[in-house]
Amino acid sequence: MPVSVAIVGPPGVGKTTLFNALTGGRGSGGVGMVDVPDERLDRLAAAVRPKKVVHAQVRIADAPPGSRAQQVAAAREADVVLQVARCFGPEPDPLADITGTTLDMVLADLATVERRLEIAAKEAQTGRAAIAGEVEVLERARTQLDAGAPLRKLELDAADRAALAPLFPVTLKPVVWVANVADSPAAGEPVVRAAREEGTAAAVVAAALEAELAELDPGEAREYRRSYGLESSGLDEIVRAVWRAGGLITFFTAGEPEARAWPCEDGAPAPVAAGKIHSDFEKKFIRAEVTSVDELVAAGSMDALRAAGKLRVEGRDYRVKDGDVVLFRVGA
């Protein structure tokens, strides 16, 4: 499954321009799929020479402009939310853009929590312990939201999150603050600094420039970008921020039929990672044979590594790491 991202923000921040830049103008109906560039996959493909190369993908949704309810709905369906702020044009106030969008989502969650709390409080009068626990979590959530703060800033354990999960709270979603600049990255510094203070992921991008560069070949785009003092694509920075905010890693599978990058939750046990390939693999997991990109590139194939005794054999408790190349062994 691709990682799902929603782009939200007030009118005039360049939200749709960013969508067009990310999708290379190939989105349709406000939705587009984007391959995630990864030089490690490129190196694997050059070494293994598979018949097919498949990048990790991101599904990007451009939330409809002008409708707070539709923006909240789009954010609620996403794995990670991009909150765009305007750092260009006359009198930009990017932190107000961030604050306004956050408040819209906070108010949406507050209304949902208050409705559920009213019902749960009545149910708690029956003496059910589980409901009493839910009421306690909902009351803490209401206090947090009523103060204008998102739920992701509230200390919640796994049981607390499970109690809130049926409400699909949008402010529990990981976010990336995107500073949309005209050309100079320095214009995005107020957003980056505020994000650092908040412990929030951030990225700086010149969306209009990147949308133009998307029409050039990669070499020309790289030279043009350098003429603006930009050493790397702001879009690559956004992807890295999405992975960081979402707590994601990338592992790889590589062989003659296919070399592929797979997004996965950081710290996932090997059977869970195997389930990203096929749901049956999680249940039928036997073991994982693991190496690194560098080792596989040097050897040329998993078979060569196996023959040299350089493949690590890992069991169910192994936590897949970013950059692992894995061959999963599963039962019938």
Protein backbone atom coordinates (compact mmCIF):
# COMPACT_ATOMS: atom_id res chain seq x y z
CA MET A 1 0.00 0.00 0.00
CA PRO A 2 1.29 3.49 -0.79
CA VAL A 3 1.83 6.03 1.96
CA SER A 4 -1.14 8.43 1.91
CA VAL A 5 -0.50 12.18 2.21
CA ALA A 6 -2.98 15.08 2.31
CA ILE A 7 -2.00 18.66 1.49
CA VAL A 8 -3.93 21.25 3.50
CA GLY A 9 -3.71 24.98 4.09
CA PRO A 10 -5.60 28.26 3.75
CA PRO A 11 -6.25 29.87 0.34
CA GLY A 12 -3.25 31.46 -1.34
CA VAL A 13 -0.47 29.37 0.22
CA GLY A 14 0.30 27.53 -3.03
CA LYS A 15 -1.21 24.24 -1.97
CA THR A 16 -2.28 23.18 -5.46
CA THR A 17 1.03 24.38 -6.93
CA LEU A 18 2.78 22.07 -4.49
CA PHE A 19 0.47 19.23 -5.51
CA ASN A 20 1.32 19.83 -9.18
CA ALA A 21 5.03 19.97 -8.37
CA LEU A 22 4.92 16.71 -6.40
CA THR A 23 2.92 14.87 -9.04
CA GLY A 24 4.71 16.40 -12.01
CA GLY A 25 1.36 17.67 -13.23
CA ARG A 26 0.09 14.10 -13.59
CA GLY A 27 -2.51 14.22 -10.84
CA SER A 28 -6.18 13.93 -11.64
CA GLY A 29 -9.14 15.11 -9.60
CA GLY A 30 -6.85 16.33 -6.85
CA VAL A 31 -5.20 12.92 -6.39
CA GLY A 32 -1.87 11.68 -7.72
CA MET A 33 0.64 8.89 -7.22
CA VAL A 34 4.34 9.69 -6.82
CA ASP A 35 7.34 7.36 -7.00
CA VAL A 36 9.76 7.99 -4.14
CA PRO A 37 13.30 8.46 -5.50
CA ASP A 38 15.89 6.33 -3.67
CA GLU A 39 19.48 6.02 -4.84
CA ARG A 40 19.79 2.75 -2.91
CA LEU A 41 17.15 1.15 -5.12
CA ASP A 42 18.93 2.50 -8.19
CA ARG A 43 22.17 0.88 -7.05
CA LEU A 44 20.42 -2.42 -6.34
CA ALA A 45 18.83 -2.43 -9.78
CA ALA A 46 22.17 -1.72 -11.46
CA ALA A 47 23.76 -4.66 -9.61
CA VAL A 48 20.96 -7.24 -9.77
CA ARG A 49 19.60 -6.23 -13.21
CA PRO A 50 15.99 -7.19 -12.46
CA LYS A 51 13.28 -7.32 -15.09
CA LYS A 52 11.28 -4.76 -13.11
CA VAL A 53 12.08 -1.93 -10.68
CA VAL A 54 9.34 -0.69 -8.34
CA HIS A 55 9.77 2.39 -6.17
CA ALA A 56 7.91 3.05 -2.94
CA GLN A 57 4.91 5.22 -3.68
CA VAL A 58 3.07 8.11 -2.06
CA ARG A 59 -0.59 8.84 -2.74
CA ILE A 60 -1.07 12.61 -2.58
CA ALA A 61 -4.45 14.29 -2.14
CA ASP A 62 -4.89 18.03 -2.65
CA ALA A 63 -7.63 18.96 -0.17
CA PRO A 64 -10.36 21.11 -1.81
CA PRO A 65 -9.74 24.82 -1.25
CA GLY A 66 -12.10 27.02 0.70
CA SER A 67 -13.83 24.26 2.64
CA ARG A 68 -12.59 23.59 6.15
CA ALA A 69 -14.74 20.48 6.45
CA GLN A 70 -13.31 19.00 3.24
CA GLN A 71 -9.76 19.78 4.30
CA VAL A 72 -10.33 18.07 7.64
CA ALA A 73 -11.89 15.09 5.86
CA ALA A 74 -8.89 14.78 3.52
CA ALA A 75 -6.49 15.00 6.44
CA ARG A 76 -8.45 12.37 8.37
CA GLU A 77 -7.97 9.85 5.54
CA ALA A 78 -4.20 10.42 5.28
CA ASP A 79 -1.25 8.76 6.97
CA VAL A 80 0.66 12.07 7.08
CA VAL A 81 -0.62 15.65 6.69
CA LEU A 82 1.30 18.41 4.92
CA GLN A 83 0.37 21.82 6.34
CA VAL A 84 1.45 24.46 3.82
CA ALA A 85 2.43 28.00 4.81
CA ARG A 86 3.04 30.97 2.50
CA CYS A 87 6.56 32.38 2.73
CA PHE A 88 6.38 34.48 -0.44
CA GLY A 89 4.52 37.53 -1.74
CA PRO A 90 3.38 40.59 0.21
CA GLU A 91 3.33 40.42 4.02
CA PRO A 92 3.58 36.66 4.48
CA ASP A 93 2.56 35.34 7.90
CA PRO A 94 3.42 31.63 7.67
CA LEU A 95 2.96 30.88 11.36
CA ALA A 96 -0.58 32.25 11.19
CA ASP A 97 -1.21 29.90 8.24
CA ILE A 98 0.00 26.95 10.33
CA THR A 99 -1.96 28.05 13.39
CA GLY A 100 -5.18 28.55 11.43
CA THR A 101 -5.05 25.13 9.79
CA THR A 102 -4.20 23.47 13.09
CA LEU A 103 -7.11 25.21 14.80
CA ASP A 104 -9.54 23.96 12.13
CA MET A 105 -8.46 20.40 12.86
CA VAL A 106 -8.51 20.93 16.62
CA LEU A 107 -12.09 22.23 16.50
CA ALA A 108 -13.17 19.28 14.35
CA ASP A 109 -11.71 16.83 16.87
CA LEU A 110 -13.17 18.76 19.79
CA ALA A 111 -16.69 18.44 18.37
CA THR A 112 -16.19 14.70 17.83
CA VAL A 113 -14.74 14.11 21.31
CA GLU A 114 -17.50 16.09 23.01
CA ARG A 115 -20.22 14.09 21.22
CA ARG A 116 -18.66 10.80 22.22
CA LEU A 117 -17.99 11.99 25.78
CA GLU A 118 -21.64 12.86 26.27
CA ILE A 119 -22.65 9.32 25.28
CA ALA A 120 -19.83 7.60 27.19
CA ALA A 121 -20.56 9.53 30.40
CA LYS A 122 -24.11 8.17 30.40
CA GLU A 123 -22.86 4.63 29.69
CA ALA A 124 -20.34 4.93 32.54
CA GLN A 125 -23.19 5.25 35.01
CA THR A 126 -23.80 1.51 34.51
CA GLY A 127 -20.50 0.87 36.29
CA ARG A 128 -18.63 -0.68 33.36
CA ALA A 129 -14.90 -0.28 34.01
CA ALA A 130 -13.97 -0.09 30.34
CA ILE A 131 -16.33 2.82 29.76
CA ALA A 132 -15.00 4.60 32.83
CA GLY A 133 -11.50 4.34 31.37
CA GLU A 134 -12.70 5.69 28.05
CA VAL A 135 -14.36 8.64 29.79
CA GLU A 136 -11.07 9.50 31.51
CA VAL A 137 -9.22 9.52 28.17
CA LEU A 138 -11.94 11.55 26.48
CA GLU A 139 -11.91 14.13 29.27
CA ARG A 140 -8.15 14.56 28.93
CA ALA A 141 -8.54 14.84 25.17
CA ARG A 142 -11.26 17.47 25.55
CA THR A 143 -9.09 19.53 27.91
CA GLN A 144 -6.20 19.38 25.44
CA LEU A 145 -8.34 20.34 22.45
CA ASP A 146 -10.21 23.03 24.36
CA ALA A 147 -6.83 24.67 24.97
CA GLY A 148 -6.30 24.75 21.19
CA ALA A 149 -3.62 22.04 21.24
CA PRO A 150 -3.57 18.96 18.96
CA LEU A 151 -3.89 15.50 20.45
CA ARG A 152 -0.48 14.43 19.14
CA LYS A 153 1.00 16.69 21.87
CA LEU A 154 -0.93 14.84 24.59
CA GLU A 155 0.80 12.00 26.40
CA LEU A 156 -1.12 8.87 25.38
CA ASP A 157 -0.27 5.22 25.84
CA ALA A 158 -1.39 2.40 23.54
CA ALA A 159 -4.64 1.87 25.49
CA ASP A 160 -5.46 5.59 25.33
CA ARG A 161 -4.91 5.64 21.58
CA ALA A 162 -7.08 2.55 21.17
CA ALA A 163 -9.88 4.33 23.05
CA LEU A 164 -9.63 7.34 20.73
CA ALA A 165 -9.13 5.37 17.50
CA PRO A 166 -12.86 4.87 16.71
CA LEU A 167 -13.20 8.67 16.57
CA PHE A 168 -10.51 8.93 13.84
CA PRO A 169 -8.99 12.05 15.44
CA VAL A 170 -7.24 14.13 12.81
CA THR A 171 -4.91 15.89 15.27
CA LEU A 172 -3.31 12.55 16.14
CA LYS A 173 -2.00 12.38 12.57
CA PRO A 174 1.70 13.10 12.08
CA VAL A 175 2.23 16.40 10.28
CA VAL A 176 4.90 18.13 8.22
CA TRP A 177 4.98 21.91 8.11
CA VAL A 178 5.85 22.97 4.56
CA ALA A 179 7.32 26.43 4.06
CA ASN A 180 6.48 27.41 0.47
CA VAL A 181 9.06 29.98 -0.64
CA ALA A 182 9.55 31.93 -3.87
CA ASP A 183 13.17 30.87 -4.36
CA SER A 184 15.39 31.51 -1.32
CA PRO A 185 15.24 28.74 1.33
CA ALA A 186 16.03 31.38 3.98
CA ALA A 187 12.46 32.70 3.68
CA GLY A 188 11.24 29.45 5.23
CA GLU A 189 13.40 29.75 8.33
CA PRO A 190 10.59 31.01 10.64
CA VAL A 191 8.61 27.84 9.88
CA VAL A 192 11.64 25.57 10.32
CA ARG A 193 12.55 27.26 13.61
CA ALA A 194 9.00 27.03 14.98
CA ALA A 195 8.75 23.39 13.90
CA ARG A 196 12.00 22.60 15.67
CA GLU A 197 10.67 24.18 18.87
CA GLU A 198 7.44 22.18 18.54
CA GLY A 199 9.20 18.91 17.72
CA THR A 200 7.41 18.83 14.37
CA ALA A 201 8.87 17.78 11.01
CA ALA A 202 9.34 20.59 8.49
CA ALA A 203 10.43 21.08 4.89
CA VAL A 204 11.17 24.09 2.70
CA VAL A 205 10.14 24.03 -0.96
CA ALA A 206 9.85 26.52 -3.79
CA ALA A 207 6.69 24.93 -5.17
CA ALA A 208 6.31 27.18 -8.23
CA LEU A 209 9.94 26.64 -9.19
CA GLU A 210 9.69 22.89 -8.65
CA ALA A 211 6.54 22.73 -10.78
CA GLU A 212 8.52 24.34 -13.63
CA LEU A 213 11.51 22.05 -13.10
CA ALA A 214 9.25 18.99 -13.26
CA GLU A 215 8.94 19.66 -17.00
CA LEU A 216 12.73 19.49 -17.56
CA ASP A 217 14.98 16.45 -17.73
CA PRO A 218 16.74 15.67 -14.41
CA GLY A 219 20.13 17.04 -15.48
CA GLU A 220 18.74 20.38 -16.62
CA ALA A 221 16.58 20.63 -13.51
CA ARG A 222 19.62 20.02 -11.29
CA GLU A 223 21.64 22.79 -12.96
CA TYR A 224 18.71 25.21 -12.89
CA ARG A 225 18.15 24.49 -9.22
CA ARG A 226 21.80 25.15 -8.41
CA SER A 227 21.54 28.54 -10.11
CA TYR A 228 19.11 29.41 -7.30
CA GLY A 229 21.48 28.11 -4.66
CA LEU A 230 19.42 24.96 -4.09
CA GLU A 231 21.59 21.85 -3.78
CA SER A 232 18.73 19.37 -3.63
CA SER A 233 15.10 19.17 -4.59
CA GLY A 234 12.65 20.54 -2.05
CA LEU A 235 10.36 17.71 -3.08
CA ASP A 236 12.95 15.17 -1.93
CA GLU A 237 13.09 17.07 1.35
CA ILE A 238 9.33 16.73 1.71
CA VAL A 239 9.48 12.98 1.13
CA ARG A 240 12.20 12.62 3.77
CA ALA A 241 10.10 14.69 6.17
CA VAL A 242 7.03 12.54 5.47
CA TRP A 243 9.03 9.39 6.28
CA ARG A 244 10.39 11.00 9.44
CA ALA A 245 7.03 12.30 10.64
CA GLY A 246 5.27 9.03 9.85
CA GLY A 247 7.89 6.94 11.64
CA LEU A 248 8.65 5.05 8.43
CA ILE A 249 11.66 3.18 7.08
CA THR A 250 12.33 1.61 3.69
CA PHE A 251 13.44 -1.96 3.19
CA PHE A 252 14.15 -3.66 -0.13
CA THR A 253 13.61 -6.93 -1.92
CA ALA A 254 15.87 -7.68 -4.86
CA GLY A 255 16.15 -10.51 -7.34
CA GLU A 256 16.00 -11.27 -11.03
CA PRO A 257 12.23 -10.74 -11.38
CA GLU A 258 12.03 -7.50 -9.39
CA ALA A 259 13.87 -4.99 -7.22
CA ARG A 260 11.48 -3.10 -5.00
CA ALA A 261 11.36 -0.56 -2.16
CA TRP A 262 8.81 -1.12 0.61
CA PRO A 263 7.68 1.46 3.20
CA CYS A 264 7.30 0.02 6.68
CA GLU A 265 6.83 1.25 10.23
CA ASP A 266 10.11 1.78 12.05
CA GLY A 267 10.76 -1.08 14.45
CA ALA A 268 8.30 -3.49 12.81
CA PRO A 269 9.02 -7.18 13.50
CA ALA A 270 10.04 -9.23 10.48
CA PRO A 271 6.62 -10.95 10.09
CA VAL A 272 4.87 -7.56 10.01
CA ALA A 273 7.32 -6.32 7.36
CA ALA A 274 6.69 -9.50 5.37
CA GLY A 275 2.99 -8.71 5.52
CA LYS A 276 3.66 -5.53 3.53
CA ILE A 277 4.46 -7.76 0.57
CA HIS A 278 1.46 -10.05 1.01
CA SER A 279 -0.89 -10.40 3.96
CA ASP A 280 -0.39 -14.19 4.01
CA PHE A 281 3.35 -13.74 4.51
CA GLU A 282 2.84 -12.42 8.04
CA LYS A 283 0.92 -15.53 9.10
CA LYS A 284 3.18 -17.97 7.23
CA PHE A 285 6.50 -16.34 8.12
CA ILE A 286 9.34 -18.80 8.79
CA ARG A 287 12.51 -16.71 8.71
CA ALA A 288 14.16 -13.73 7.04
CA GLU A 289 17.47 -13.70 5.20
CA VAL A 290 18.93 -10.22 5.58
CA THR A 291 21.77 -8.22 4.09
CA SER A 292 22.58 -4.60 3.31
CA VAL A 293 22.45 -2.69 0.04
CA ASP A 294 26.23 -2.32 -0.04
CA GLU A 295 26.83 -6.04 0.56
CA LEU A 296 24.33 -7.09 -2.11
CA VAL A 297 25.71 -4.61 -4.65
CA ALA A 298 29.24 -5.95 -4.01
CA ALA A 299 28.14 -9.59 -4.32
CA GLY A 300 25.73 -9.13 -7.24
CA SER A 301 23.03 -11.49 -5.98
CA MET A 302 21.47 -13.02 -2.89
CA ASP A 303 22.63 -16.44 -4.11
CA ALA A 304 26.25 -15.27 -4.14
CA LEU A 305 25.91 -13.95 -0.59
CA ARG A 306 24.30 -17.17 0.54
CA ALA A 307 27.08 -19.24 -1.01
CA ALA A 308 29.65 -17.10 0.81
CA GLY A 309 27.79 -17.51 4.10
CA LYS A 310 27.18 -13.76 4.36
CA LEU A 311 23.38 -13.74 4.61
CA ARG A 312 22.12 -13.21 8.15
CA VAL A 313 19.26 -15.50 9.14
CA GLU A 314 16.77 -13.75 11.42
CA GLY A 315 13.64 -14.97 13.20
CA ARG A 316 10.27 -13.55 14.20
CA ASP A 317 11.71 -11.13 16.75
CA TYR A 318 14.00 -9.37 14.30
CA ARG A 319 13.17 -5.68 13.80
CA VAL A 320 13.61 -4.70 10.17
CA LYS A 321 15.92 -1.71 9.74
CA ASP A 322 16.03 1.08 7.20
CA GLY A 323 18.05 -0.05 4.18
CA ASP A 324 17.76 -3.78 4.87
CA VAL A 325 17.52 -6.07 1.85
CA VAL A 326 15.35 -8.98 2.89
CA LEU A 327 14.35 -12.34 1.46
CA PHE A 328 11.39 -13.69 3.42
CA ARG A 329 10.93 -17.44 3.73
CA VAL A 330 7.28 -18.40 4.23
CA GLY A 331 5.38 -21.64 4.57
CA ALA A 332 2.81 -23.06 2.22
